[in-house]
Amino acid sequence: MVRRVLVDQGSSAEILYYTAFKAVGFTKDHLSLVDAPLVGFTGIPVYSVSKIVLPIFAGLVGLDVEFIVVNLPSPYNAILGRN
């Protein structure tokens, strides 16, 4: 289970931080490459990002969500956007 998830209605991407990715027990073999950089509100692009599709459950609703995995410091484990 992943805790400290930010639900950000202003975000257009779902982000999973690498520390949470590793804590859940995934390895780099579970990742797929992403060709484009991730650009945040600071305008600084983040390269070397990967993606993974994970099942997400909120109450009785379950969805498969594609997360961009980034290796950056954050007080959160994941960010869920408005997609």
PDB file of N, CA and C in Angstrom:
ATOM      1  N   MET A   1       0.843  -1.178   0.000  1.00  0.00           N
ATOM      2  CA  MET A   1       0.000   0.000   0.000  1.00  0.00           C
ATOM      3  C   MET A   1       0.888   1.241   0.000  1.00  0.00           C
ATOM      4  N   VAL A   2       0.536   2.205  -0.813  1.00  0.00           N
ATOM      5  CA  VAL A   2       1.285   3.461  -0.891  1.00  0.00           C
ATOM      6  C   VAL A   2       0.507   4.543  -0.157  1.00  0.00           C
ATOM      7  N   ARG A   3       1.158   5.212   0.748  1.00  0.00           N
ATOM      8  CA  ARG A   3       0.549   6.319   1.494  1.00  0.00           C
ATOM      9  C   ARG A   3       1.184   7.624   1.040  1.00  0.00           C
ATOM     10  N   ARG A   4       0.678   8.724   1.533  1.00  0.00           N
ATOM     11  CA  ARG A   4       1.146  10.072   1.182  1.00  0.00           C
ATOM     12  C   ARG A   4       1.021  10.328  -0.319  1.00  0.00           C
ATOM     13  N   VAL A   5      -0.197  10.234  -0.791  1.00  0.00           N
ATOM     14  CA  VAL A   5      -0.514  10.488  -2.192  1.00  0.00           C
ATOM     15  C   VAL A   5      -1.190  11.844  -2.290  1.00  0.00           C
ATOM     16  N   LEU A   6      -0.675  12.700  -3.155  1.00  0.00           N
ATOM     17  CA  LEU A   6      -1.266  14.011  -3.401  1.00  0.00           C
ATOM     18  C   LEU A   6      -2.229  13.906  -4.567  1.00  0.00           C
ATOM     19  N   VAL A   7      -3.465  14.303  -4.368  1.00  0.00           N
ATOM     20  CA  VAL A   7      -4.435  14.395  -5.461  1.00  0.00           C
ATOM     21  C   VAL A   7      -4.418  15.849  -5.912  1.00  0.00           C
ATOM     22  N   ASP A   8      -3.843  16.086  -7.081  1.00  0.00           N
ATOM     23  CA  ASP A   8      -3.605  17.438  -7.584  1.00  0.00           C
ATOM     24  C   ASP A   8      -4.442  17.674  -8.832  1.00  0.00           C
ATOM     25  N   GLN A   9      -5.532  18.413  -8.701  1.00  0.00           N
ATOM     26  CA  GLN A   9      -6.405  18.697  -9.842  1.00  0.00           C
ATOM     27  C   GLN A   9      -5.725  19.552 -10.902  1.00  0.00           C
ATOM     28  N   GLY A  10      -4.602  20.178 -10.576  1.00  0.00           N
ATOM     29  CA  GLY A  10      -3.871  20.991 -11.548  1.00  0.00           C
ATOM     30  C   GLY A  10      -2.836  20.194 -12.328  1.00  0.00           C
ATOM     31  N   SER A  11      -2.601  18.967 -11.945  1.00  0.00           N
ATOM     32  CA  SER A  11      -1.606  18.138 -12.616  1.00  0.00           C
ATOM     33  C   SER A  11      -2.260  17.363 -13.751  1.00  0.00           C
ATOM     34  N   SER A  12      -1.553  17.246 -14.858  1.00  0.00           N
ATOM     35  CA  SER A  12      -2.078  16.478 -15.988  1.00  0.00           C
ATOM     36  C   SER A  12      -1.373  15.129 -16.112  1.00  0.00           C
ATOM     37  N   ALA A  13      -0.601  14.761 -15.102  1.00  0.00           N
ATOM     38  CA  ALA A  13       0.119  13.489 -15.138  1.00  0.00           C
ATOM     39  C   ALA A  13       0.036  12.801 -13.781  1.00  0.00           C
ATOM     40  N   GLU A  14       0.152  11.488 -13.809  1.00  0.00           N
ATOM     41  CA  GLU A  14       0.242  10.708 -12.586  1.00  0.00           C
ATOM     42  C   GLU A  14       1.719  10.395 -12.370  1.00  0.00           C
ATOM     43  N   ILE A  15       2.221  10.732 -11.204  1.00  0.00           N
ATOM     44  CA  ILE A  15       3.638  10.600 -10.896  1.00  0.00           C
ATOM     45  C   ILE A  15       3.815   9.588  -9.774  1.00  0.00           C
ATOM     46  N   LEU A  16       4.771   8.701  -9.931  1.00  0.00           N
ATOM     47  CA  LEU A  16       5.177   7.799  -8.865  1.00  0.00           C
ATOM     48  C   LEU A  16       6.659   8.048  -8.631  1.00  0.00           C
ATOM     49  N   TYR A  17       7.015   8.346  -7.393  1.00  0.00           N
ATOM     50  CA  TYR A  17       8.408   8.620  -7.078  1.00  0.00           C
ATOM     51  C   TYR A  17       9.164   7.316  -6.902  1.00  0.00           C
ATOM     52  N   TYR A  18      10.411   7.312  -7.341  1.00  0.00           N
ATOM     53  CA  TYR A  18      11.209   6.088  -7.404  1.00  0.00           C
ATOM     54  C   TYR A  18      11.366   5.424  -6.036  1.00  0.00           C
ATOM     55  N   THR A  19      11.455   6.197  -4.968  1.00  0.00           N
ATOM     56  CA  THR A  19      11.579   5.606  -3.637  1.00  0.00           C
ATOM     57  C   THR A  19      10.351   4.754  -3.300  1.00  0.00           C
ATOM     58  N   ALA A  20       9.170   5.220  -3.655  1.00  0.00           N
ATOM     59  CA  ALA A  20       7.945   4.437  -3.436  1.00  0.00           C
ATOM     60  C   ALA A  20       7.916   3.233  -4.362  1.00  0.00           C
ATOM     61  N   PHE A  21       8.344   3.421  -5.595  1.00  0.00           N
ATOM     62  CA  PHE A  21       8.421   2.332  -6.578  1.00  0.00           C
ATOM     63  C   PHE A  21       9.265   1.187  -6.025  1.00  0.00           C
ATOM     64  N   LYS A  22      10.425   1.499  -5.471  1.00  0.00           N
ATOM     65  CA  LYS A  22      11.318   0.487  -4.906  1.00  0.00           C
ATOM     66  C   LYS A  22      10.740  -0.106  -3.622  1.00  0.00           C
ATOM     67  N   ALA A  23      10.110   0.720  -2.784  1.00  0.00           N
ATOM     68  CA  ALA A  23       9.563   0.259  -1.505  1.00  0.00           C
ATOM     69  C   ALA A  23       8.460  -0.778  -1.704  1.00  0.00           C
ATOM     70  N   VAL A  24       7.719  -0.662  -2.797  1.00  0.00           N
ATOM     71  CA  VAL A  24       6.647  -1.614  -3.090  1.00  0.00           C
ATOM     72  C   VAL A  24       7.233  -2.947  -3.575  1.00  0.00           C
ATOM     73  N   GLY A  25       8.478  -2.931  -4.024  1.00  0.00           N
ATOM     74  CA  GLY A  25       9.128  -4.168  -4.439  1.00  0.00           C
ATOM     75  C   GLY A  25       9.321  -4.323  -5.930  1.00  0.00           C
ATOM     76  N   PHE A  26       9.063  -3.293  -6.696  1.00  0.00           N
ATOM     77  CA  PHE A  26       9.276  -3.358  -8.137  1.00  0.00           C
ATOM     78  C   PHE A  26      10.755  -3.222  -8.460  1.00  0.00           C
ATOM     79  N   THR A  27      11.122  -3.696  -9.651  1.00  0.00           N
ATOM     80  CA  THR A  27      12.491  -3.539 -10.143  1.00  0.00           C
ATOM     81  C   THR A  27      12.443  -2.775 -11.459  1.00  0.00           C
ATOM     82  N   LYS A  28      13.606  -2.417 -11.961  1.00  0.00           N
ATOM     83  CA  LYS A  28      13.675  -1.680 -13.225  1.00  0.00           C
ATOM     84  C   LYS A  28      13.104  -2.485 -14.391  1.00  0.00           C
ATOM     85  N   ASP A  29      13.022  -3.805 -14.241  1.00  0.00           N
ATOM     86  CA  ASP A  29      12.441  -4.652 -15.295  1.00  0.00           C
ATOM     87  C   ASP A  29      10.956  -4.376 -15.495  1.00  0.00           C
ATOM     88  N   HIS A  30      10.298  -3.798 -14.510  1.00  0.00           N
ATOM     89  CA  HIS A  30       8.872  -3.486 -14.599  1.00  0.00           C
ATOM     90  C   HIS A  30       8.596  -2.172 -15.344  1.00  0.00           C
ATOM     91  N   LEU A  31       9.635  -1.427 -15.654  1.00  0.00           N
ATOM     92  CA  LEU A  31       9.480  -0.099 -16.252  1.00  0.00           C
ATOM     93  C   LEU A  31       9.546  -0.125 -17.772  1.00  0.00           C
ATOM     94  N   SER A  32       8.871   0.839 -18.384  1.00  0.00           N
ATOM     95  CA  SER A  32       8.961   1.101 -19.818  1.00  0.00           C
ATOM     96  C   SER A  32       9.541   2.491 -19.993  1.00  0.00           C
ATOM     97  N   LEU A  33      10.252   2.697 -21.095  1.00  0.00           N
ATOM     98  CA  LEU A  33      10.858   4.009 -21.341  1.00  0.00           C
ATOM     99  C   LEU A  33       9.835   5.020 -21.829  1.00  0.00           C
ATOM    100  N   VAL A  34      10.090   6.284 -21.508  1.00  0.00           N
ATOM    101  CA  VAL A  34       9.288   7.407 -21.987  1.00  0.00           C
ATOM    102  C   VAL A  34      10.207   8.271 -22.832  1.00  0.00           C
ATOM    103  N   ASP A  35       9.755   8.662 -24.024  1.00  0.00           N
ATOM    104  CA  ASP A  35      10.606   9.430 -24.940  1.00  0.00           C
ATOM    105  C   ASP A  35      10.680  10.915 -24.616  1.00  0.00           C
ATOM    106  N   ALA A  36       9.637  11.468 -24.028  1.00  0.00           N
ATOM    107  CA  ALA A  36       9.575  12.907 -23.802  1.00  0.00           C
ATOM    108  C   ALA A  36       9.908  13.235 -22.344  1.00  0.00           C
ATOM    109  N   PRO A  37      10.515  14.401 -22.099  1.00  0.00           N
ATOM    110  CA  PRO A  37      10.784  14.797 -20.716  1.00  0.00           C
ATOM    111  C   PRO A  37       9.508  15.242 -20.019  1.00  0.00           C
ATOM    112  N   LEU A  38       9.544  15.245 -18.723  1.00  0.00           N
ATOM    113  CA  LEU A  38       8.453  15.759 -17.905  1.00  0.00           C
ATOM    114  C   LEU A  38       8.814  17.187 -17.527  1.00  0.00           C
ATOM    115  N   VAL A  39       7.921  18.141 -17.806  1.00  0.00           N
ATOM    116  CA  VAL A  39       8.191  19.552 -17.511  1.00  0.00           C
ATOM    117  C   VAL A  39       7.183  20.024 -16.486  1.00  0.00           C
ATOM    118  N   GLY A  40       7.680  20.512 -15.344  1.00  0.00           N
ATOM    119  CA  GLY A  40       6.818  20.984 -14.273  1.00  0.00           C
ATOM    120  C   GLY A  40       6.574  22.468 -14.340  1.00  0.00           C
ATOM    121  N   PHE A  41       5.953  23.001 -13.292  1.00  0.00           N
ATOM    122  CA  PHE A  41       5.618  24.420 -13.287  1.00  0.00           C
ATOM    123  C   PHE A  41       6.845  25.311 -13.206  1.00  0.00           C
ATOM    124  N   THR A  42       8.012  24.765 -12.832  1.00  0.00           N
ATOM    125  CA  THR A  42       9.234  25.575 -12.816  1.00  0.00           C
ATOM    126  C   THR A  42       9.826  25.712 -14.212  1.00  0.00           C
ATOM    127  N   GLY A  43       9.342  24.895 -15.160  1.00  0.00           N
ATOM    128  CA  GLY A  43       9.846  24.945 -16.531  1.00  0.00           C
ATOM    129  C   GLY A  43      11.094  24.126 -16.752  1.00  0.00           C
ATOM    130  N   ILE A  44      11.601  23.473 -15.712  1.00  0.00           N
ATOM    131  CA  ILE A  44      12.805  22.662 -15.832  1.00  0.00           C
ATOM    132  C   ILE A  44      12.403  21.233 -16.211  1.00  0.00           C
ATOM    133  N   PRO A  45      12.913  20.742 -17.345  1.00  0.00           N
ATOM    134  CA  PRO A  45      12.548  19.382 -17.745  1.00  0.00           C
ATOM    135  C   PRO A  45      13.263  18.334 -16.898  1.00  0.00           C
ATOM    136  N   VAL A  46      12.591  17.216 -16.651  1.00  0.00           N
ATOM    137  CA  VAL A  46      13.173  16.079 -15.947  1.00  0.00           C
ATOM    138  C   VAL A  46      13.319  14.966 -16.967  1.00  0.00           C
ATOM    139  N   TYR A  47      14.551  14.545 -17.197  1.00  0.00           N
ATOM    140  CA  TYR A  47      14.815  13.478 -18.155  1.00  0.00           C
ATOM    141  C   TYR A  47      14.990  12.154 -17.415  1.00  0.00           C
ATOM    142  N   SER A  48      15.207  11.106 -18.150  1.00  0.00           N
ATOM    143  CA  SER A  48      15.392   9.759 -17.610  1.00  0.00           C
ATOM    144  C   SER A  48      14.193   9.314 -16.792  1.00  0.00           C
ATOM    145  N   VAL A  49      13.013   9.594 -17.312  1.00  0.00           N
ATOM    146  CA  VAL A  49      11.798   9.124 -16.654  1.00  0.00           C
ATOM    147  C   VAL A  49      11.345   7.832 -17.321  1.00  0.00           C
ATOM    148  N   SER A  50      10.629   7.041 -16.579  1.00  0.00           N
ATOM    149  CA  SER A  50      10.079   5.789 -17.080  1.00  0.00           C
ATOM    150  C   SER A  50       8.603   5.760 -16.762  1.00  0.00           C
ATOM    151  N   LYS A  51       7.911   4.704 -17.188  1.00  0.00           N
ATOM    152  CA  LYS A  51       6.489   4.605 -16.878  1.00  0.00           C
ATOM    153  C   LYS A  51       6.156   3.183 -16.473  1.00  0.00           C
ATOM    154  N   ILE A  52       5.050   3.057 -15.741  1.00  0.00           N
ATOM    155  CA  ILE A  52       4.542   1.766 -15.308  1.00  0.00           C
ATOM    156  C   ILE A  52       3.028   1.886 -15.175  1.00  0.00           C
ATOM    157  N   VAL A  53       2.319   0.847 -15.537  1.00  0.00           N
ATOM    158  CA  VAL A  53       0.867   0.821 -15.389  1.00  0.00           C
ATOM    159  C   VAL A  53       0.552   0.005 -14.136  1.00  0.00           C
ATOM    160  N   LEU A  54      -0.206   0.618 -13.216  1.00  0.00           N
ATOM    161  CA  LEU A  54      -0.547  -0.023 -11.942  1.00  0.00           C
ATOM    162  C   LEU A  54      -2.041   0.055 -11.689  1.00  0.00           C
ATOM    163  N   PRO A  55      -2.592  -0.944 -11.019  1.00  0.00           N
ATOM    164  CA  PRO A  55      -4.008  -0.865 -10.629  1.00  0.00           C
ATOM    165  C   PRO A  55      -4.162   0.057  -9.431  1.00  0.00           C
ATOM    166  N   ILE A  56      -5.149   0.937  -9.483  1.00  0.00           N
ATOM    167  CA  ILE A  56      -5.428   1.889  -8.409  1.00  0.00           C
ATOM    168  C   ILE A  56      -6.855   1.649  -7.940  1.00  0.00           C
ATOM    169  N   PHE A  57      -7.036   1.649  -6.642  1.00  0.00           N
ATOM    170  CA  PHE A  57      -8.358   1.452  -6.061  1.00  0.00           C
ATOM    171  C   PHE A  57      -8.702   2.608  -5.146  1.00  0.00           C
ATOM    172  N   ALA A  58      -9.887   3.178  -5.336  1.00  0.00           N
ATOM    173  CA  ALA A  58     -10.437   4.218  -4.462  1.00  0.00           C
ATOM    174  C   ALA A  58     -11.835   3.748  -4.083  1.00  0.00           C
ATOM    175  N   GLY A  59     -11.959   3.250  -2.873  1.00  0.00           N
ATOM    176  CA  GLY A  59     -13.242   2.670  -2.478  1.00  0.00           C
ATOM    177  C   GLY A  59     -13.507   1.430  -3.289  1.00  0.00           C
ATOM    178  N   LEU A  60     -14.631   1.374  -3.951  1.00  0.00           N
ATOM    179  CA  LEU A  60     -14.998   0.213  -4.765  1.00  0.00           C
ATOM    180  C   LEU A  60     -14.591   0.358  -6.229  1.00  0.00           C
ATOM    181  N   VAL A  61     -14.007   1.487  -6.590  1.00  0.00           N
ATOM    182  CA  VAL A  61     -13.631   1.755  -7.979  1.00  0.00           C
ATOM    183  C   VAL A  61     -12.169   1.380  -8.193  1.00  0.00           C
ATOM    184  N   GLY A  62     -11.906   0.621  -9.260  1.00  0.00           N
ATOM    185  CA  GLY A  62     -10.553   0.248  -9.620  1.00  0.00           C
ATOM    186  C   GLY A  62     -10.243   0.633 -11.052  1.00  0.00           C
ATOM    187  N   LEU A  63      -9.052   1.160 -11.287  1.00  0.00           N
ATOM    188  CA  LEU A  63      -8.606   1.564 -12.624  1.00  0.00           C
ATOM    189  C   LEU A  63      -7.152   1.181 -12.818  1.00  0.00           C
ATOM    190  N   ASP A  64      -6.753   0.920 -14.051  1.00  0.00           N
ATOM    191  CA  ASP A  64      -5.340   0.789 -14.390  1.00  0.00           C
ATOM    192  C   ASP A  64      -4.842   2.170 -14.786  1.00  0.00           C
ATOM    193  N   VAL A  65      -3.813   2.649 -14.105  1.00  0.00           N
ATOM    194  CA  VAL A  65      -3.311   4.007 -14.308  1.00  0.00           C
ATOM    195  C   VAL A  65      -1.848   3.950 -14.723  1.00  0.00           C
ATOM    196  N   GLU A  66      -1.502   4.726 -15.761  1.00  0.00           N
ATOM    197  CA  GLU A  66      -0.121   4.822 -16.206  1.00  0.00           C
ATOM    198  C   GLU A  66       0.585   5.922 -15.411  1.00  0.00           C
ATOM    199  N   PHE A  67       1.592   5.543 -14.653  1.00  0.00           N
ATOM    200  CA  PHE A  67       2.368   6.479 -13.857  1.00  0.00           C
ATOM    201  C   PHE A  67       3.690   6.770 -14.536  1.00  0.00           C
ATOM    202  N   ILE A  68       4.134   8.000 -14.451  1.00  0.00           N
ATOM    203  CA  ILE A  68       5.493   8.364 -14.822  1.00  0.00           C
ATOM    204  C   ILE A  68       6.329   8.219 -13.557  1.00  0.00           C
ATOM    205  N   VAL A  69       7.404   7.461 -13.646  1.00  0.00           N
ATOM    206  CA  VAL A  69       8.275   7.218 -12.497  1.00  0.00           C
ATOM    207  C   VAL A  69       9.473   8.148 -12.597  1.00  0.00           C
ATOM    208  N   VAL A  70       9.678   8.958 -11.554  1.00  0.00           N
ATOM    209  CA  VAL A  70      10.799   9.898 -11.536  1.00  0.00           C
ATOM    210  C   VAL A  70      11.619   9.684 -10.268  1.00  0.00           C
ATOM    211  N   ASN A  71      12.911   9.916 -10.392  1.00  0.00           N
ATOM    212  CA  ASN A  71      13.829   9.767  -9.265  1.00  0.00           C
ATOM    213  C   ASN A  71      14.197  11.154  -8.748  1.00  0.00           C
ATOM    214  N   LEU A  72      13.263  11.748  -8.008  1.00  0.00           N
ATOM    215  CA  LEU A  72      13.432  13.078  -7.428  1.00  0.00           C
ATOM    216  C   LEU A  72      12.972  13.035  -5.984  1.00  0.00           C
ATOM    217  N   PRO A  73      13.490  13.931  -5.140  1.00  0.00           N
ATOM    218  CA  PRO A  73      12.989  13.979  -3.760  1.00  0.00           C
ATOM    219  C   PRO A  73      11.587  14.578  -3.709  1.00  0.00           C
ATOM    220  N   SER A  74      10.754  14.057  -2.793  1.00  0.00           N
ATOM    221  CA  SER A  74       9.400  14.567  -2.628  1.00  0.00           C
ATOM    222  C   SER A  74       8.860  14.122  -1.281  1.00  0.00           C
ATOM    223  N   PRO A  75       8.028  14.951  -0.657  1.00  0.00           N
ATOM    224  CA  PRO A  75       7.380  14.507   0.587  1.00  0.00           C
ATOM    225  C   PRO A  75       6.250  13.504   0.303  1.00  0.00           C
ATOM    226  N   TYR A  76       5.864  13.359  -0.964  1.00  0.00           N
ATOM    227  CA  TYR A  76       4.803  12.442  -1.363  1.00  0.00           C
ATOM    228  C   TYR A  76       5.397  11.203  -2.010  1.00  0.00           C
ATOM    229  N   ASN A  77       4.623  10.134  -2.035  1.00  0.00           N
ATOM    230  CA  ASN A  77       5.018   8.922  -2.744  1.00  0.00           C
ATOM    231  C   ASN A  77       4.491   8.915  -4.167  1.00  0.00           C
ATOM    232  N   ALA A  78       3.369   9.618  -4.377  1.00  0.00           N
ATOM    233  CA  ALA A  78       2.744   9.654  -5.696  1.00  0.00           C
ATOM    234  C   ALA A  78       1.888  10.910  -5.806  1.00  0.00           C
ATOM    235  N   ILE A  79       1.644  11.319  -7.043  1.00  0.00           N
ATOM    236  CA  ILE A  79       0.725  12.415  -7.355  1.00  0.00           C
ATOM    237  C   ILE A  79      -0.278  11.883  -8.358  1.00  0.00           C
ATOM    238  N   LEU A  80      -1.550  12.044  -8.045  1.00  0.00           N
ATOM    239  CA  LEU A  80      -2.605  11.681  -8.980  1.00  0.00           C
ATOM    240  C   LEU A  80      -3.156  12.968  -9.573  1.00  0.00           C
ATOM    241  N   GLY A  81      -3.186  13.045 -10.895  1.00  0.00           N
ATOM    242  CA  GLY A  81      -3.648  14.236 -11.576  1.00  0.00           C
ATOM    243  C   GLY A  81      -5.100  14.141 -11.996  1.00  0.00           C
ATOM    244  N   ARG A  82      -5.468  14.984 -12.937  1.00  0.00           N
ATOM    245  CA  ARG A  82      -6.879  15.091 -13.354  1.00  0.00           C
ATOM    246  C   ARG A  82      -7.229  14.196 -14.515  1.00  0.00           C
ATOM    247  N   ASN A  83      -6.351  13.326 -14.951  1.00  0.00           N
ATOM    248  CA  ASN A  83      -6.633  12.452 -16.103  1.00  0.00           C
ATOM    249  C   ASN A  83      -7.764  11.520 -15.854  1.00  0.00           C
TER     250      ASN A  83
END
